[in-house]
Amino acid sequence: MTEADAIACIRPDWPAPSGVHALTSLRRGGCSAGAYAGLNLAAHTGDDAGAVARNRQLLRARLQLPSEPVWLSQVHGRSMILADTAGACAEADGSWSCSAGTVCAVLTADCLPLLFCNRTGSRIAAVHAGWRGLHRGIIRAAVETLSTPARELLVWLGPAIGADAFEVGREVYDAFVQKNRENSAAFRQRDEAHWLCDIYMLARIELQMLGVESVYGGDLCTSSDADRFYSYRRDGVTGRMASLIWKNP
């Protein structure tokens, strides 16, 4: 078995049009070592640059991607860029495309990746949403950027830290509840200063408010599954998985 053969991924269980392809890579396979062992696809984590480049080559070969993914410089904000014309490592937390053959991508290791497409398959997007990006409105930015009626959008929530593992402080709880009282349902209080946060529920509440009804996924935990997933909260120094979406060329 070659390095490329060993690469594994999760594919969304959603009714996307046949020409739309989407997945999240797992950490299995690849050639990174030590704390990054596996298929680390992030160049900003301290991993050997050659290993990351090789991992990206393996990913493209194994999945037969139509082009190199549009890798972003993610900043926990709400900026969306057009992947079709983006430069290398453009600063944004989401990209979208209306062109065949363009691969939108985000990197995560506990933050929530969201993949979007419309029912005709003419528009796609990949979004990186940590709690800061969620609070700042990255999901709203994605929905507005796609310029598609909300009822026509499909969204898949990829692997993220689970509700039993994501402990946050009062500042996070207060920020979300002050923004929308309904967000309180996504928190469970542990003591006077700490809550467990359900990042999947926060995303679902936001999507529902925006009128997006077709939401899938949201049942994995990166922190509790070290075999398949990188987790920053669990390990500190670690790699990143990639969530990708593209249309047939």
C-alpha atoms as a PDB file:
ATOM      1  CA  MET A   1       0.000   0.000   0.000  1.00  0.00           C
ATOM      2  CA  THR A   2       1.362   3.424  -0.971  1.00  0.00           C
ATOM      3  CA  GLU A   3       1.096   6.602   1.072  1.00  0.00           C
ATOM      4  CA  ALA A   4      -1.657   7.813  -1.253  1.00  0.00           C
ATOM      5  CA  ASP A   5      -3.610   4.577  -0.952  1.00  0.00           C
ATOM      6  CA  ALA A   6      -3.601   4.932   2.826  1.00  0.00           C
ATOM      7  CA  ILE A   7      -5.327   8.325   2.792  1.00  0.00           C
ATOM      8  CA  ALA A   8      -8.846   8.204   4.251  1.00  0.00           C
ATOM      9  CA  CYS A   9     -11.684  10.695   4.350  1.00  0.00           C
ATOM     10  CA  ILE A  10     -15.283  11.248   5.419  1.00  0.00           C
ATOM     11  CA  ARG A  11     -17.840  12.116   2.769  1.00  0.00           C
ATOM     12  CA  PRO A  12     -21.037  13.989   3.628  1.00  0.00           C
ATOM     13  CA  ASP A  13     -24.305  12.093   3.713  1.00  0.00           C
ATOM     14  CA  TRP A  14     -26.369  14.788   2.019  1.00  0.00           C
ATOM     15  CA  PRO A  15     -28.463  15.067  -1.181  1.00  0.00           C
ATOM     16  CA  ALA A  16     -25.986  17.224  -3.100  1.00  0.00           C
ATOM     17  CA  PRO A  17     -26.252  17.262  -6.899  1.00  0.00           C
ATOM     18  CA  SER A  18     -24.234  14.523  -8.603  1.00  0.00           C
ATOM     19  CA  GLY A  19     -21.636  16.934  -9.957  1.00  0.00           C
ATOM     20  CA  VAL A  20     -20.727  18.280  -6.502  1.00  0.00           C
ATOM     21  CA  HIS A  21     -18.003  16.469  -4.533  1.00  0.00           C
ATOM     22  CA  ALA A  22     -17.212  17.070  -0.864  1.00  0.00           C
ATOM     23  CA  LEU A  23     -15.197  15.483   1.935  1.00  0.00           C
ATOM     24  CA  THR A  24     -13.113  15.965   5.050  1.00  0.00           C
ATOM     25  CA  SER A  25      -9.700  14.327   5.183  1.00  0.00           C
ATOM     26  CA  LEU A  26      -8.666  12.218   8.176  1.00  0.00           C
ATOM     27  CA  ARG A  27      -5.244  12.228   9.797  1.00  0.00           C
ATOM     28  CA  ARG A  28      -4.556   8.649   8.661  1.00  0.00           C
ATOM     29  CA  GLY A  29      -1.939   8.211   5.960  1.00  0.00           C
ATOM     30  CA  GLY A  30       0.439  10.940   4.883  1.00  0.00           C
ATOM     31  CA  CYS A  31       4.059  11.412   5.869  1.00  0.00           C
ATOM     32  CA  SER A  32       4.118  13.899   8.754  1.00  0.00           C
ATOM     33  CA  ALA A  33       5.750  12.688  11.976  1.00  0.00           C
ATOM     34  CA  GLY A  34       5.778  13.380  15.699  1.00  0.00           C
ATOM     35  CA  ALA A  35       2.967  15.590  16.979  1.00  0.00           C
ATOM     36  CA  TYR A  36       1.793  16.021  13.382  1.00  0.00           C
ATOM     37  CA  ALA A  37       1.815  12.307  12.557  1.00  0.00           C
ATOM     38  CA  GLY A  38      -0.382  11.550   9.589  1.00  0.00           C
ATOM     39  CA  LEU A  39      -1.834  13.669   6.824  1.00  0.00           C
ATOM     40  CA  ASN A  40      -1.224  17.167   8.171  1.00  0.00           C
ATOM     41  CA  LEU A  41      -2.297  19.599   5.449  1.00  0.00           C
ATOM     42  CA  ALA A  42      -1.523  22.885   7.238  1.00  0.00           C
ATOM     43  CA  ALA A  43       1.661  24.817   6.524  1.00  0.00           C
ATOM     44  CA  HIS A  44       1.372  27.162   9.547  1.00  0.00           C
ATOM     45  CA  THR A  45       1.583  24.662  12.429  1.00  0.00           C
ATOM     46  CA  GLY A  46       5.352  24.159  12.689  1.00  0.00           C
ATOM     47  CA  ASP A  47       5.419  20.889  10.777  1.00  0.00           C
ATOM     48  CA  ASP A  48       8.180  20.198   8.259  1.00  0.00           C
ATOM     49  CA  ALA A  49       7.343  22.160   5.101  1.00  0.00           C
ATOM     50  CA  GLY A  50       8.405  19.300   2.862  1.00  0.00           C
ATOM     51  CA  ALA A  51       6.101  16.883   4.653  1.00  0.00           C
ATOM     52  CA  VAL A  52       3.145  19.238   4.301  1.00  0.00           C
ATOM     53  CA  ALA A  53       3.857  19.727   0.592  1.00  0.00           C
ATOM     54  CA  ARG A  54       4.061  15.958   0.110  1.00  0.00           C
ATOM     55  CA  ASN A  55       0.809  15.462   2.019  1.00  0.00           C
ATOM     56  CA  ARG A  56      -0.929  17.959  -0.238  1.00  0.00           C
ATOM     57  CA  GLN A  57       0.411  16.164  -3.293  1.00  0.00           C
ATOM     58  CA  LEU A  58      -0.848  12.853  -1.924  1.00  0.00           C
ATOM     59  CA  LEU A  59      -4.267  14.317  -1.226  1.00  0.00           C
ATOM     60  CA  ARG A  60      -4.607  15.651  -4.742  1.00  0.00           C
ATOM     61  CA  ALA A  61      -3.417  12.383  -6.310  1.00  0.00           C
ATOM     62  CA  ARG A  62      -5.538  10.088  -4.146  1.00  0.00           C
ATOM     63  CA  LEU A  63      -8.725  12.092  -4.599  1.00  0.00           C
ATOM     64  CA  GLN A  64      -8.008  12.987  -8.226  1.00  0.00           C
ATOM     65  CA  LEU A  65      -8.744  16.627  -7.502  1.00  0.00           C
ATOM     66  CA  PRO A  66      -9.251  18.774 -10.612  1.00  0.00           C
ATOM     67  CA  SER A  67      -6.916  21.490  -9.259  1.00  0.00           C
ATOM     68  CA  GLU A  68      -4.882  22.462  -6.218  1.00  0.00           C
ATOM     69  CA  PRO A  69      -7.228  23.431  -3.356  1.00  0.00           C
ATOM     70  CA  VAL A  70      -7.449  27.147  -2.663  1.00  0.00           C
ATOM     71  CA  TRP A  71      -5.678  27.239   0.713  1.00  0.00           C
ATOM     72  CA  LEU A  72      -6.609  30.197   2.912  1.00  0.00           C
ATOM     73  CA  SER A  73      -4.862  32.116   5.669  1.00  0.00           C
ATOM     74  CA  GLN A  74      -7.632  31.735   8.259  1.00  0.00           C
ATOM     75  CA  VAL A  75      -8.042  34.473  10.873  1.00  0.00           C
ATOM     76  CA  HIS A  76     -11.272  33.625  12.780  1.00  0.00           C
ATOM     77  CA  GLY A  77     -13.145  36.400  10.999  1.00  0.00           C
ATOM     78  CA  ARG A  78     -16.124  36.644   8.646  1.00  0.00           C
ATOM     79  CA  SER A  79     -14.495  37.315   5.274  1.00  0.00           C
ATOM     80  CA  MET A  80     -15.503  35.276   2.224  1.00  0.00           C
ATOM     81  CA  ILE A  81     -13.477  35.317  -0.993  1.00  0.00           C
ATOM     82  CA  LEU A  82     -14.125  34.121  -4.523  1.00  0.00           C
ATOM     83  CA  ALA A  83     -11.898  31.065  -4.871  1.00  0.00           C
ATOM     84  CA  ASP A  84     -11.873  31.317  -8.669  1.00  0.00           C
ATOM     85  CA  THR A  85      -9.679  34.419  -8.519  1.00  0.00           C
ATOM     86  CA  ALA A  86      -8.044  34.163  -5.081  1.00  0.00           C
ATOM     87  CA  GLY A  87      -4.307  34.413  -4.702  1.00  0.00           C
ATOM     88  CA  ALA A  88      -2.182  32.013  -2.659  1.00  0.00           C
ATOM     89  CA  CYS A  89      -3.005  32.030   1.072  1.00  0.00           C
ATOM     90  CA  ALA A  90      -5.572  34.806   0.796  1.00  0.00           C
ATOM     91  CA  GLU A  91      -6.720  36.009   4.226  1.00  0.00           C
ATOM     92  CA  ALA A  92     -10.293  34.797   4.776  1.00  0.00           C
ATOM     93  CA  ASP A  93     -12.327  32.207   6.644  1.00  0.00           C
ATOM     94  CA  GLY A  94     -14.352  30.992   3.718  1.00  0.00           C
ATOM     95  CA  SER A  95     -14.267  30.724  -0.037  1.00  0.00           C
ATOM     96  CA  TRP A  96     -16.924  30.161  -2.670  1.00  0.00           C
ATOM     97  CA  SER A  97     -17.039  29.296  -6.334  1.00  0.00           C
ATOM     98  CA  CYS A  98     -19.409  29.167  -9.253  1.00  0.00           C
ATOM     99  CA  SER A  99     -16.852  27.558 -11.577  1.00  0.00           C
ATOM    100  CA  ALA A 100     -16.218  23.911 -12.335  1.00  0.00           C
ATOM    101  CA  GLY A 101     -12.829  22.572 -11.259  1.00  0.00           C
ATOM    102  CA  THR A 102     -12.149  25.065  -8.442  1.00  0.00           C
ATOM    103  CA  VAL A 103     -11.580  23.347  -5.080  1.00  0.00           C
ATOM    104  CA  CYS A 104     -12.691  25.351  -2.031  1.00  0.00           C
ATOM    105  CA  ALA A 105     -10.942  24.293   1.182  1.00  0.00           C
ATOM    106  CA  VAL A 106     -10.696  25.072   4.892  1.00  0.00           C
ATOM    107  CA  LEU A 107      -8.368  23.630   7.543  1.00  0.00           C
ATOM    108  CA  THR A 108      -9.574  22.638  11.014  1.00  0.00           C
ATOM    109  CA  ALA A 109      -8.602  20.791  14.186  1.00  0.00           C
ATOM    110  CA  ASP A 110     -11.632  21.411  16.476  1.00  0.00           C
ATOM    111  CA  CYS A 111     -13.163  24.427  14.735  1.00  0.00           C
ATOM    112  CA  LEU A 112     -16.246  23.711  12.655  1.00  0.00           C
ATOM    113  CA  PRO A 113     -15.945  23.252   8.875  1.00  0.00           C
ATOM    114  CA  LEU A 114     -19.146  23.937   6.924  1.00  0.00           C
ATOM    115  CA  LEU A 115     -19.619  22.957   3.292  1.00  0.00           C
ATOM    116  CA  PHE A 116     -22.358  24.653   1.256  1.00  0.00           C
ATOM    117  CA  CYS A 117     -23.942  24.050  -2.119  1.00  0.00           C
ATOM    118  CA  ASN A 118     -27.202  25.025  -3.747  1.00  0.00           C
ATOM    119  CA  ARG A 119     -29.637  22.445  -5.063  1.00  0.00           C
ATOM    120  CA  THR A 120     -28.622  22.996  -8.675  1.00  0.00           C
ATOM    121  CA  GLY A 121     -24.927  22.648  -7.891  1.00  0.00           C
ATOM    122  CA  SER A 122     -24.081  25.982  -9.482  1.00  0.00           C
ATOM    123  CA  ARG A 123     -22.582  27.486  -6.308  1.00  0.00           C
ATOM    124  CA  ILE A 124     -20.408  25.977  -3.585  1.00  0.00           C
ATOM    125  CA  ALA A 125     -18.556  27.214  -0.507  1.00  0.00           C
ATOM    126  CA  ALA A 126     -16.275  26.049   2.305  1.00  0.00           C
ATOM    127  CA  VAL A 127     -16.267  27.865   5.662  1.00  0.00           C
ATOM    128  CA  HIS A 128     -14.066  27.740   8.773  1.00  0.00           C
ATOM    129  CA  ALA A 129     -15.999  28.596  11.946  1.00  0.00           C
ATOM    130  CA  GLY A 130     -14.412  28.700  15.356  1.00  0.00           C
ATOM    131  CA  TRP A 131     -16.421  30.342  18.122  1.00  0.00           C
ATOM    132  CA  ARG A 132     -15.012  33.752  17.227  1.00  0.00           C
ATOM    133  CA  GLY A 133     -15.951  33.380  13.570  1.00  0.00           C
ATOM    134  CA  LEU A 134     -19.406  32.114  14.509  1.00  0.00           C
ATOM    135  CA  HIS A 135     -19.947  35.105  16.769  1.00  0.00           C
ATOM    136  CA  ARG A 136     -18.631  37.551  14.178  1.00  0.00           C
ATOM    137  CA  GLY A 137     -21.051  36.217  11.555  1.00  0.00           C
ATOM    138  CA  ILE A 138     -19.121  33.993   9.159  1.00  0.00           C
ATOM    139  CA  ILE A 139     -22.205  31.845   8.503  1.00  0.00           C
ATOM    140  CA  ARG A 140     -24.335  34.862   7.627  1.00  0.00           C
ATOM    141  CA  ALA A 141     -21.533  36.127   5.398  1.00  0.00           C
ATOM    142  CA  ALA A 142     -21.447  32.795   3.559  1.00  0.00           C
ATOM    143  CA  VAL A 143     -25.206  32.665   3.026  1.00  0.00           C
ATOM    144  CA  GLU A 144     -25.299  36.263   1.802  1.00  0.00           C
ATOM    145  CA  THR A 145     -22.277  35.764  -0.473  1.00  0.00           C
ATOM    146  CA  LEU A 146     -23.832  32.761  -2.196  1.00  0.00           C
ATOM    147  CA  SER A 147     -26.800  34.953  -3.233  1.00  0.00           C
ATOM    148  CA  THR A 148     -29.134  31.978  -3.234  1.00  0.00           C
ATOM    149  CA  PRO A 149     -32.529  31.668  -1.510  1.00  0.00           C
ATOM    150  CA  ALA A 150     -31.861  30.059   1.864  1.00  0.00           C
ATOM    151  CA  ARG A 151     -34.318  27.232   1.193  1.00  0.00           C
ATOM    152  CA  GLU A 152     -32.225  26.240  -1.833  1.00  0.00           C
ATOM    153  CA  LEU A 153     -29.015  25.757   0.186  1.00  0.00           C
ATOM    154  CA  LEU A 154     -27.624  22.498   1.529  1.00  0.00           C
ATOM    155  CA  VAL A 155     -25.118  22.625   4.394  1.00  0.00           C
ATOM    156  CA  TRP A 156     -22.919  19.905   5.876  1.00  0.00           C
ATOM    157  CA  LEU A 157     -21.367  20.346   9.305  1.00  0.00           C
ATOM    158  CA  GLY A 158     -18.027  18.542   9.317  1.00  0.00           C
ATOM    159  CA  PRO A 159     -15.929  17.154  12.196  1.00  0.00           C
ATOM    160  CA  ALA A 160     -15.544  19.576  15.115  1.00  0.00           C
ATOM    161  CA  ILE A 161     -15.033  19.474  18.860  1.00  0.00           C
ATOM    162  CA  GLY A 162     -18.042  17.892  20.560  1.00  0.00           C
ATOM    163  CA  ALA A 163     -20.344  19.380  23.160  1.00  0.00           C
ATOM    164  CA  ASP A 164     -18.865  17.261  25.969  1.00  0.00           C
ATOM    165  CA  ALA A 165     -15.300  18.443  25.289  1.00  0.00           C
ATOM    166  CA  PHE A 166     -15.548  22.149  24.460  1.00  0.00           C
ATOM    167  CA  GLU A 167     -15.283  24.080  27.715  1.00  0.00           C
ATOM    168  CA  VAL A 168     -15.482  27.870  27.510  1.00  0.00           C
ATOM    169  CA  GLY A 169     -15.477  30.775  29.933  1.00  0.00           C
ATOM    170  CA  ARG A 170     -18.097  33.343  30.835  1.00  0.00           C
ATOM    171  CA  GLU A 171     -16.930  35.747  28.123  1.00  0.00           C
ATOM    172  CA  VAL A 172     -17.891  33.261  25.397  1.00  0.00           C
ATOM    173  CA  TYR A 173     -21.218  32.396  27.010  1.00  0.00           C
ATOM    174  CA  ASP A 174     -22.108  36.046  27.513  1.00  0.00           C
ATOM    175  CA  ALA A 175     -21.101  37.018  23.990  1.00  0.00           C
ATOM    176  CA  PHE A 176     -23.415  34.486  22.361  1.00  0.00           C
ATOM    177  CA  VAL A 177     -26.358  34.929  24.698  1.00  0.00           C
ATOM    178  CA  GLN A 178     -26.207  38.715  24.377  1.00  0.00           C
ATOM    179  CA  LYS A 179     -26.219  38.279  20.609  1.00  0.00           C
ATOM    180  CA  ASN A 180     -29.215  35.910  20.635  1.00  0.00           C
ATOM    181  CA  ARG A 181     -31.017  34.552  23.686  1.00  0.00           C
ATOM    182  CA  GLU A 182     -31.733  31.315  21.799  1.00  0.00           C
ATOM    183  CA  ASN A 183     -27.999  30.549  21.884  1.00  0.00           C
ATOM    184  CA  SER A 184     -28.288  29.731  25.586  1.00  0.00           C
ATOM    185  CA  ALA A 185     -29.583  26.279  24.551  1.00  0.00           C
ATOM    186  CA  ALA A 186     -26.091  25.510  23.206  1.00  0.00           C
ATOM    187  CA  PHE A 187     -24.431  25.855  26.635  1.00  0.00           C
ATOM    188  CA  ARG A 188     -24.369  23.680  29.754  1.00  0.00           C
ATOM    189  CA  GLN A 189     -23.021  25.311  32.891  1.00  0.00           C
ATOM    190  CA  ARG A 190     -20.290  23.424  34.785  1.00  0.00           C
ATOM    191  CA  ASP A 191     -19.625  25.958  37.526  1.00  0.00           C
ATOM    192  CA  GLU A 192     -19.799  29.713  38.075  1.00  0.00           C
ATOM    193  CA  ALA A 193     -17.185  30.444  35.438  1.00  0.00           C
ATOM    194  CA  HIS A 194     -17.298  27.578  32.920  1.00  0.00           C
ATOM    195  CA  TRP A 195     -19.740  26.179  30.374  1.00  0.00           C
ATOM    196  CA  LEU A 196     -19.706  23.309  27.884  1.00  0.00           C
ATOM    197  CA  CYS A 197     -20.425  24.701  24.429  1.00  0.00           C
ATOM    198  CA  ASP A 198     -22.162  22.887  21.563  1.00  0.00           C
ATOM    199  CA  ILE A 199     -20.624  24.512  18.504  1.00  0.00           C
ATOM    200  CA  TYR A 200     -22.828  22.415  16.223  1.00  0.00           C
ATOM    201  CA  MET A 201     -25.967  23.768  17.886  1.00  0.00           C
ATOM    202  CA  LEU A 202     -24.728  27.339  17.616  1.00  0.00           C
ATOM    203  CA  ALA A 203     -24.306  26.823  13.874  1.00  0.00           C
ATOM    204  CA  ARG A 204     -27.742  25.225  13.527  1.00  0.00           C
ATOM    205  CA  ILE A 205     -29.397  28.085  15.408  1.00  0.00           C
ATOM    206  CA  GLU A 206     -27.725  30.618  13.112  1.00  0.00           C
ATOM    207  CA  LEU A 207     -28.637  28.694   9.973  1.00  0.00           C
ATOM    208  CA  GLN A 208     -32.241  28.347  11.101  1.00  0.00           C
ATOM    209  CA  MET A 209     -32.458  32.088  11.745  1.00  0.00           C
ATOM    210  CA  LEU A 210     -31.189  32.672   8.216  1.00  0.00           C
ATOM    211  CA  GLY A 211     -33.842  30.344   6.787  1.00  0.00           C
ATOM    212  CA  VAL A 212     -31.524  27.450   5.908  1.00  0.00           C
ATOM    213  CA  GLU A 213     -33.423  24.243   6.641  1.00  0.00           C
ATOM    214  CA  SER A 214     -31.381  21.529   4.913  1.00  0.00           C
ATOM    215  CA  VAL A 215     -28.527  20.965   7.369  1.00  0.00           C
ATOM    216  CA  TYR A 216     -26.655  17.667   7.673  1.00  0.00           C
ATOM    217  CA  GLY A 217     -23.811  16.190   9.729  1.00  0.00           C
ATOM    218  CA  GLY A 218     -22.826  17.608  13.094  1.00  0.00           C
ATOM    219  CA  ASP A 219     -22.401  14.343  14.995  1.00  0.00           C
ATOM    220  CA  LEU A 220     -18.632  13.875  15.325  1.00  0.00           C
ATOM    221  CA  CYS A 221     -16.083  14.934  17.954  1.00  0.00           C
ATOM    222  CA  THR A 222     -12.496  15.681  16.984  1.00  0.00           C
ATOM    223  CA  SER A 223     -11.296  15.800  20.583  1.00  0.00           C
ATOM    224  CA  SER A 224     -12.457  12.298  21.530  1.00  0.00           C
ATOM    225  CA  ASP A 225     -11.164  10.458  18.441  1.00  0.00           C
ATOM    226  CA  ALA A 226      -7.365  10.754  18.261  1.00  0.00           C
ATOM    227  CA  ASP A 227      -7.127   7.959  15.679  1.00  0.00           C
ATOM    228  CA  ARG A 228      -9.033   9.857  13.009  1.00  0.00           C
ATOM    229  CA  PHE A 229      -8.819  13.531  13.923  1.00  0.00           C
ATOM    230  CA  TYR A 230      -6.347  16.216  14.879  1.00  0.00           C
ATOM    231  CA  SER A 231      -7.493  18.250  17.898  1.00  0.00           C
ATOM    232  CA  TYR A 232      -5.885  21.488  19.046  1.00  0.00           C
ATOM    233  CA  ARG A 233      -7.807  21.475  22.321  1.00  0.00           C
ATOM    234  CA  ARG A 234      -6.646  17.921  23.079  1.00  0.00           C
ATOM    235  CA  ASP A 235      -3.020  18.121  21.931  1.00  0.00           C
ATOM    236  CA  GLY A 236      -1.959  21.755  21.579  1.00  0.00           C
ATOM    237  CA  VAL A 237       0.721  21.118  18.942  1.00  0.00           C
ATOM    238  CA  THR A 238      -1.001  19.246  16.136  1.00  0.00           C
ATOM    239  CA  GLY A 239      -1.868  19.127  12.440  1.00  0.00           C
ATOM    240  CA  ARG A 240      -5.024  20.040  10.549  1.00  0.00           C
ATOM    241  CA  MET A 241      -7.611  18.201   8.457  1.00  0.00           C
ATOM    242  CA  ALA A 242      -9.007  19.712   5.264  1.00  0.00           C
ATOM    243  CA  SER A 243     -12.650  20.011   4.258  1.00  0.00           C
ATOM    244  CA  LEU A 244     -13.022  20.336   0.491  1.00  0.00           C
ATOM    245  CA  ILE A 245     -15.812  20.945  -1.993  1.00  0.00           C
ATOM    246  CA  TRP A 246     -15.694  21.229  -5.784  1.00  0.00           C
ATOM    247  CA  LYS A 247     -17.767  20.776  -8.929  1.00  0.00           C
ATOM    248  CA  ASN A 248     -16.930  18.538 -11.852  1.00  0.00           C
ATOM    249  CA  PRO A 249     -14.913  20.307 -14.553  1.00  0.00           C
END
